[in-house]
PDB file of N, CA and C in Angstrom:
ATOM      1  N   MET A   1      63.923  70.887  38.352  1.00  0.00           N
ATOM      2  CA  MET A   1      62.993  71.750  39.042  1.00  0.00           C
ATOM      3  C   MET A   1      61.642  71.066  39.090  1.00  0.00           C
ATOM      4  N   VAL A   2      61.010  71.157  40.217  1.00  0.00           N
ATOM      5  CA  VAL A   2      59.676  70.600  40.400  1.00  0.00           C
ATOM      6  C   VAL A   2      58.772  71.734  40.842  1.00  0.00           C
ATOM      7  N   ARG A   3      57.648  71.895  40.164  1.00  0.00           N
ATOM      8  CA  ARG A   3      56.678  72.899  40.556  1.00  0.00           C
ATOM      9  C   ARG A   3      55.302  72.253  40.546  1.00  0.00           C
ATOM     10  N   GLU A   4      54.613  72.371  41.648  1.00  0.00           N
ATOM     11  CA  GLU A   4      53.272  71.810  41.748  1.00  0.00           C
ATOM     12  C   GLU A   4      52.344  72.854  42.353  1.00  0.00           C
ATOM     13  N   ILE A   5      51.176  73.004  41.781  1.00  0.00           N
ATOM     14  CA  ILE A   5      50.136  73.851  42.351  1.00  0.00           C
ATOM     15  C   ILE A   5      49.044  72.912  42.825  1.00  0.00           C
ATOM     16  N   VAL A   6      48.807  72.930  44.126  1.00  0.00           N
ATOM     17  CA  VAL A   6      47.864  71.989  44.726  1.00  0.00           C
ATOM     18  C   VAL A   6      46.877  72.733  45.609  1.00  0.00           C
ATOM     19  N   LYS A   7      45.738  72.131  45.818  1.00  0.00           N
ATOM     20  CA  LYS A   7      44.777  72.625  46.804  1.00  0.00           C
ATOM     21  C   LYS A   7      44.846  71.638  47.967  1.00  0.00           C
ATOM     22  N   SER A   8      45.318  72.117  49.105  1.00  0.00           N
ATOM     23  CA  SER A   8      45.552  71.227  50.236  1.00  0.00           C
ATOM     24  C   SER A   8      44.232  70.798  50.873  1.00  0.00           C
ATOM     25  N   ALA A   9      44.172  69.521  51.216  1.00  0.00           N
ATOM     26  CA  ALA A   9      43.007  68.981  51.900  1.00  0.00           C
ATOM     27  C   ALA A   9      43.332  68.707  53.360  1.00  0.00           C
ATOM     28  N   LYS A  10      44.624  68.563  53.642  1.00  0.00           N
ATOM     29  CA  LYS A  10      45.087  68.293  55.004  1.00  0.00           C
ATOM     30  C   LYS A  10      46.266  69.209  55.303  1.00  0.00           C
ATOM     31  N   GLN A  11      46.806  69.058  56.505  1.00  0.00           N
ATOM     32  CA  GLN A  11      47.924  69.893  56.922  1.00  0.00           C
ATOM     33  C   GLN A  11      49.256  69.360  56.400  1.00  0.00           C
ATOM     34  N   THR A  12      49.304  68.133  55.965  1.00  0.00           N
ATOM     35  CA  THR A  12      50.546  67.562  55.456  1.00  0.00           C
ATOM     36  C   THR A  12      50.429  67.303  53.962  1.00  0.00           C
ATOM     37  N   TYR A  13      51.590  67.279  53.305  1.00  0.00           N
ATOM     38  CA  TYR A  13      51.634  67.044  51.860  1.00  0.00           C
ATOM     39  C   TYR A  13      52.909  66.263  51.549  1.00  0.00           C
ATOM     40  N   THR A  14      52.818  65.261  50.720  1.00  0.00           N
ATOM     41  CA  THR A  14      53.978  64.474  50.319  1.00  0.00           C
ATOM     42  C   THR A  14      54.399  64.892  48.931  1.00  0.00           C
ATOM     43  N   LEU A  15      55.666  65.228  48.799  1.00  0.00           N
ATOM     44  CA  LEU A  15      56.217  65.680  47.523  1.00  0.00           C
ATOM     45  C   LEU A  15      57.186  64.633  47.010  1.00  0.00           C
ATOM     46  N   ASN A  16      56.941  64.119  45.828  1.00  0.00           N
ATOM     47  CA  ASN A  16      57.852  63.174  45.193  1.00  0.00           C
ATOM     48  C   ASN A  16      58.832  63.952  44.336  1.00  0.00           C
ATOM     49  N   ILE A  17      60.127  63.815  44.651  1.00  0.00           N
ATOM     50  CA  ILE A  17      61.140  64.545  43.893  1.00  0.00           C
ATOM     51  C   ILE A  17      61.845  63.598  42.928  1.00  0.00           C
ATOM     52  N   PRO A  18      62.413  64.138  41.849  1.00  0.00           N
ATOM     53  CA  PRO A  18      63.121  63.299  40.884  1.00  0.00           C
ATOM     54  C   PRO A  18      64.357  62.641  41.505  1.00  0.00           C
ATOM     55  N   ASP A  19      64.784  61.534  40.920  1.00  0.00           N
ATOM     56  CA  ASP A  19      65.941  60.788  41.424  1.00  0.00           C
ATOM     57  C   ASP A  19      67.205  61.637  41.467  1.00  0.00           C
ATOM     58  N   ASP A  20      67.383  62.560  40.512  1.00  0.00           N
ATOM     59  CA  ASP A  20      68.611  63.352  40.487  1.00  0.00           C
ATOM     60  C   ASP A  20      68.671  64.387  41.610  1.00  0.00           C
ATOM     61  N   MET A  21      67.591  64.586  42.365  1.00  0.00           N
ATOM     62  CA  MET A  21      67.587  65.512  43.498  1.00  0.00           C
ATOM     63  C   MET A  21      67.796  64.806  44.828  1.00  0.00           C
ATOM     64  N   ILE A  22      67.771  63.493  44.836  1.00  0.00           N
ATOM     65  CA  ILE A  22      67.924  62.739  46.079  1.00  0.00           C
ATOM     66  C   ILE A  22      69.331  62.938  46.616  1.00  0.00           C
ATOM     67  N   GLY A  23      69.424  63.262  47.893  1.00  0.00           N
ATOM     68  CA  GLY A  23      70.707  63.481  48.542  1.00  0.00           C
ATOM     69  C   GLY A  23      71.223  64.900  48.415  1.00  0.00           C
ATOM     70  N   LYS A  24      70.507  65.750  47.689  1.00  0.00           N
ATOM     71  CA  LYS A  24      70.913  67.142  47.513  1.00  0.00           C
ATOM     72  C   LYS A  24      70.058  68.043  48.397  1.00  0.00           C
ATOM     73  N   THR A  25      70.569  69.222  48.681  1.00  0.00           N
ATOM     74  CA  THR A  25      69.807  70.205  49.433  1.00  0.00           C
ATOM     75  C   THR A  25      68.832  70.893  48.495  1.00  0.00           C
ATOM     76  N   VAL A  26      67.560  70.869  48.835  1.00  0.00           N
ATOM     77  CA  VAL A  26      66.528  71.495  48.014  1.00  0.00           C
ATOM     78  C   VAL A  26      65.750  72.488  48.861  1.00  0.00           C
ATOM     79  N   GLU A  27      65.119  73.438  48.223  1.00  0.00           N
ATOM     80  CA  GLU A  27      64.298  74.432  48.906  1.00  0.00           C
ATOM     81  C   GLU A  27      62.846  74.174  48.557  1.00  0.00           C
ATOM     82  N   VAL A  28      61.999  74.166  49.567  1.00  0.00           N
ATOM     83  CA  VAL A  28      60.566  73.985  49.372  1.00  0.00           C
ATOM     84  C   VAL A  28      59.883  75.246  49.900  1.00  0.00           C
ATOM     85  N   ILE A  29      59.098  75.888  49.046  1.00  0.00           N
ATOM     86  CA  ILE A  29      58.395  77.108  49.417  1.00  0.00           C
ATOM     87  C   ILE A  29      56.903  76.876  49.229  1.00  0.00           C
ATOM     88  N   ALA A  30      56.116  77.259  50.215  1.00  0.00           N
ATOM     89  CA  ALA A  30      54.661  77.145  50.098  1.00  0.00           C
ATOM     90  C   ALA A  30      54.046  78.500  50.422  1.00  0.00           C
ATOM     91  N   PHE A  31      53.209  78.992  49.531  1.00  0.00           N
ATOM     92  CA  PHE A  31      52.510  80.247  49.774  1.00  0.00           C
ATOM     93  C   PHE A  31      51.160  80.186  49.082  1.00  0.00           C
ATOM     94  N   GLU A  32      50.233  80.973  49.602  1.00  0.00           N
ATOM     95  CA  GLU A  32      48.879  80.994  49.069  1.00  0.00           C
ATOM     96  C   GLU A  32      48.830  81.851  47.813  1.00  0.00           C
ATOM     97  N   ILE A  33      48.114  81.375  46.795  1.00  0.00           N
ATOM     98  CA  ILE A  33      47.907  82.170  45.588  1.00  0.00           C
ATOM     99  C   ILE A  33      46.418  82.425  45.426  1.00  0.00           C
ATOM    100  N   ASN A  34      46.097  83.579  44.879  1.00  0.00           N
ATOM    101  CA  ASN A  34      44.702  83.902  44.592  1.00  0.00           C
ATOM    102  C   ASN A  34      44.286  83.210  43.311  1.00  0.00           C
ATOM    103  N   SER A  35      43.003  83.057  43.119  1.00  0.00           N
ATOM    104  CA  SER A  35      42.529  82.407  41.898  1.00  0.00           C
ATOM    105  C   SER A  35      42.912  83.226  40.671  1.00  0.00           C
ATOM    106  N   ASP A  36      42.996  84.571  40.799  1.00  0.00           N
ATOM    107  CA  ASP A  36      43.408  85.413  39.679  1.00  0.00           C
ATOM    108  C   ASP A  36      44.857  85.170  39.312  1.00  0.00           C
ATOM    109  N   GLU A  37      45.735  84.944  40.318  1.00  0.00           N
ATOM    110  CA  GLU A  37      47.140  84.695  40.051  1.00  0.00           C
ATOM    111  C   GLU A  37      47.358  83.343  39.385  1.00  0.00           C
ATOM    112  N   SER A  38      46.538  82.349  39.714  1.00  0.00           N
ATOM    113  CA  SER A  38      46.721  81.034  39.120  1.00  0.00           C
ATOM    114  C   SER A  38      46.431  81.064  37.625  1.00  0.00           C
ATOM    115  N   VAL A  39      45.625  82.003  37.166  1.00  0.00           N
ATOM    116  CA  VAL A  39      45.362  82.142  35.737  1.00  0.00           C
ATOM    117  C   VAL A  39      46.643  82.551  35.017  1.00  0.00           C
ATOM    118  N   LEU A  40      47.456  83.394  35.669  1.00  0.00           N
ATOM    119  CA  LEU A  40      48.694  83.846  35.040  1.00  0.00           C
ATOM    120  C   LEU A  40      49.720  82.736  34.903  1.00  0.00           C
ATOM    121  N   THR A  41      49.622  81.686  35.706  1.00  0.00           N
ATOM    122  CA  THR A  41      50.585  80.599  35.610  1.00  0.00           C
ATOM    123  C   THR A  41      50.243  79.644  34.467  1.00  0.00           C
ATOM    124  N   GLN A  42      49.046  79.750  33.933  1.00  0.00           N
ATOM    125  CA  GLN A  42      48.649  78.889  32.826  1.00  0.00           C
ATOM    126  C   GLN A  42      49.139  79.488  31.510  1.00  0.00           C
ATOM    127  N   PRO A  43      49.618  78.672  30.586  1.00  0.00           N
ATOM    128  CA  PRO A  43      50.061  79.211  29.307  1.00  0.00           C
ATOM    129  C   PRO A  43      48.901  79.773  28.496  1.00  0.00           C
ATOM    130  N   ALA A  44      49.196  80.780  27.707  1.00  0.00           N
ATOM    131  CA  ALA A  44      48.166  81.387  26.864  1.00  0.00           C
ATOM    132  C   ALA A  44      47.794  80.417  25.746  1.00  0.00           C
ATOM    133  N   ASN A  45      46.513  80.383  25.408  1.00  0.00           N
ATOM    134  CA  ASN A  45      46.040  79.461  24.386  1.00  0.00           C
ATOM    135  C   ASN A  45      45.995  80.079  23.001  1.00  0.00           C
ATOM    136  N   SER A  46      46.092  81.402  22.915  1.00  0.00           N
ATOM    137  CA  SER A  46      46.014  82.026  21.607  1.00  0.00           C
ATOM    138  C   SER A  46      46.871  83.280  21.580  1.00  0.00           C
ATOM    139  N   SER A  47      47.149  83.750  20.391  1.00  0.00           N
ATOM    140  CA  SER A  47      47.929  84.974  20.254  1.00  0.00           C
ATOM    141  C   SER A  47      47.146  86.175  20.790  1.00  0.00           C
ATOM    142  N   GLN A  48      45.822  86.119  20.742  1.00  0.00           N
ATOM    143  CA  GLN A  48      45.014  87.213  21.281  1.00  0.00           C
ATOM    144  C   GLN A  48      45.165  87.291  22.801  1.00  0.00           C
ATOM    145  N   GLU A  49      45.244  86.149  23.476  1.00  0.00           N
ATOM    146  CA  GLU A  49      45.461  86.148  24.920  1.00  0.00           C
ATOM    147  C   GLU A  49      46.820  86.747  25.265  1.00  0.00           C
ATOM    148  N   ILE A  50      47.826  86.436  24.484  1.00  0.00           N
ATOM    149  CA  ILE A  50      49.161  87.001  24.698  1.00  0.00           C
ATOM    150  C   ILE A  50      49.125  88.506  24.480  1.00  0.00           C
ATOM    151  N   LEU A  51      48.479  88.950  23.435  1.00  0.00           N
ATOM    152  CA  LEU A  51      48.364  90.381  23.159  1.00  0.00           C
ATOM    153  C   LEU A  51      47.646  91.093  24.299  1.00  0.00           C
ATOM    154  N   ASN A  52      46.567  90.518  24.794  1.00  0.00           N
ATOM    155  CA  ASN A  52      45.825  91.123  25.901  1.00  0.00           C
ATOM    156  C   ASN A  52      46.664  91.187  27.173  1.00  0.00           C
ATOM    157  N   ARG A  53      47.449  90.153  27.417  1.00  0.00           N
ATOM    158  CA  ARG A  53      48.252  90.090  28.627  1.00  0.00           C
ATOM    159  C   ARG A  53      49.350  91.144  28.633  1.00  0.00           C
ATOM    160  N   TYR A  54      49.990  91.380  27.492  1.00  0.00           N
ATOM    161  CA  TYR A  54      51.141  92.275  27.443  1.00  0.00           C
ATOM    162  C   TYR A  54      50.829  93.667  26.897  1.00  0.00           C
ATOM    163  N   SER A  55      49.603  93.944  26.507  1.00  0.00           N
ATOM    164  CA  SER A  55      49.268  95.251  25.951  1.00  0.00           C
ATOM    165  C   SER A  55      49.259  96.351  27.016  1.00  0.00           C
ATOM    166  N   GLN A  56      49.239  95.985  28.283  1.00  0.00           N
ATOM    167  CA  GLN A  56      49.240  96.980  29.351  1.00  0.00           C
ATOM    168  C   GLN A  56      50.617  97.615  29.541  1.00  0.00           C
ATOM    169  N   TYR A  57      51.663  97.001  28.998  1.00  0.00           N
ATOM    170  CA  TYR A  57      53.011  97.522  29.149  1.00  0.00           C
ATOM    171  C   TYR A  57      53.348  98.458  27.993  1.00  0.00           C
ATOM    172  N   PRO A  58      54.186  99.471  28.230  1.00  0.00           N
ATOM    173  CA  PRO A  58      54.530 100.400  27.138  1.00  0.00           C
ATOM    174  C   PRO A  58      55.353  99.704  26.060  1.00  0.00           C
ATOM    175  N   ALA A  59      55.117 100.100  24.835  1.00  0.00           N
ATOM    176  CA  ALA A  59      55.874  99.542  23.719  1.00  0.00           C
ATOM    177  C   ALA A  59      57.217 100.241  23.628  1.00  0.00           C
ATOM    178  N   VAL A  60      58.277  99.472  23.417  1.00  0.00           N
ATOM    179  CA  VAL A  60      59.619 100.021  23.313  1.00  0.00           C
ATOM    180  C   VAL A  60      60.146  99.695  21.927  1.00  0.00           C
ATOM    181  N   SER A  61      60.640 100.709  21.250  1.00  0.00           N
ATOM    182  CA  SER A  61      61.178 100.506  19.913  1.00  0.00           C
ATOM    183  C   SER A  61      62.693 100.706  19.928  1.00  0.00           C
ATOM    184  N   HIS A  62      63.403  99.800  19.283  1.00  0.00           N
ATOM    185  CA  HIS A  62      64.853  99.911  19.137  1.00  0.00           C
ATOM    186  C   HIS A  62      65.202 100.215  17.681  1.00  0.00           C
ATOM    187  N   LYS A  63      64.268 100.800  16.977  1.00  0.00           N
ATOM    188  CA  LYS A  63      64.420 101.039  15.544  1.00  0.00           C
ATOM    189  C   LYS A  63      65.641 101.900  15.227  1.00  0.00           C
ATOM    190  N   ASN A  64      65.872 102.966  15.991  1.00  0.00           N
ATOM    191  CA  ASN A  64      66.971 103.884  15.698  1.00  0.00           C
ATOM    192  C   ASN A  64      68.217 103.611  16.534  1.00  0.00           C
ATOM    193  N   TYR A  65      68.263 102.512  17.239  1.00  0.00           N
ATOM    194  CA  TYR A  65      69.409 102.192  18.082  1.00  0.00           C
ATOM    195  C   TYR A  65      70.555 101.671  17.224  1.00  0.00           C
ATOM    196  N   ARG A  66      71.757 102.183  17.506  1.00  0.00           N
ATOM    197  CA  ARG A  66      72.950 101.710  16.801  1.00  0.00           C
ATOM    198  C   ARG A  66      74.006 101.377  17.843  1.00  0.00           C
ATOM    199  N   PHE A  67      74.612 100.232  17.740  1.00  0.00           N
ATOM    200  CA  PHE A  67      75.652  99.801  18.668  1.00  0.00           C
ATOM    201  C   PHE A  67      76.985 100.346  18.195  1.00  0.00           C
ATOM    202  N   ASP A  68      77.693 101.041  19.085  1.00  0.00           N
ATOM    203  CA  ASP A  68      79.010 101.591  18.768  1.00  0.00           C
ATOM    204  C   ASP A  68      80.046 100.808  19.563  1.00  0.00           C
ATOM    205  N   ARG A  69      80.772  99.934  18.883  1.00  0.00           N
ATOM    206  CA  ARG A  69      81.743  99.066  19.556  1.00  0.00           C
ATOM    207  C   ARG A  69      82.838  99.876  20.232  1.00  0.00           C
ATOM    208  N   SER A  70      83.252 101.003  19.658  1.00  0.00           N
ATOM    209  CA  SER A  70      84.318 101.793  20.284  1.00  0.00           C
ATOM    210  C   SER A  70      83.865 102.358  21.627  1.00  0.00           C
ATOM    211  N   GLU A  71      82.609 102.709  21.772  1.00  0.00           N
ATOM    212  CA  GLU A  71      82.103 103.171  23.059  1.00  0.00           C
ATOM    213  C   GLU A  71      81.999 102.026  24.048  1.00  0.00           C
ATOM    214  N   ALA A  72      81.681 100.845  23.575  1.00  0.00           N
ATOM    215  CA  ALA A  72      81.541  99.689  24.461  1.00  0.00           C
ATOM    216  C   ALA A  72      82.891  99.281  25.044  1.00  0.00           C
ATOM    217  N   ASN A  73      83.968  99.469  24.291  1.00  0.00           N
ATOM    218  CA  ASN A  73      85.294  99.067  24.746  1.00  0.00           C
ATOM    219  C   ASN A  73      86.084 100.220  25.353  1.00  0.00           C
ATOM    220  N   ASP A  74      85.473 101.373  25.558  1.00  0.00           N
ATOM    221  CA  ASP A  74      86.136 102.526  26.142  1.00  0.00           C
ATOM    222  C   ASP A  74      86.016 102.435  27.663  1.00  0.00           C
ATOM    223  N   TYR A  75      87.073 101.946  28.324  1.00  0.00           N
ATOM    224  CA  TYR A  75      87.022 101.725  29.761  1.00  0.00           C
ATOM    225  C   TYR A  75      87.498 102.925  30.566  1.00  0.00           C
ATOM    226  N   GLU A  76      87.970 103.997  29.938  1.00  0.00           N
ATOM    227  CA  GLU A  76      88.526 105.140  30.681  1.00  0.00           C
ATOM    228  C   GLU A  76      87.527 106.234  30.853  1.00  0.00           C
TER     229      GLU A  76
END
């Protein structure tokens, strides 16, 4: 897989692909990203950044969950 984020200066762009992709069918997608979205593609530098990024989602607890194998194999 090749992923590049570039700021285009011209209408054309040359993409160098790895040797193992030569001769294969590949998909190339180009779309505009906002500057805010490009921040999300960067890895978090600290645990606080990770906490801030995911704190907006609800917390899910599996504390009382029990797996019942007989229910999992009951196909009728």
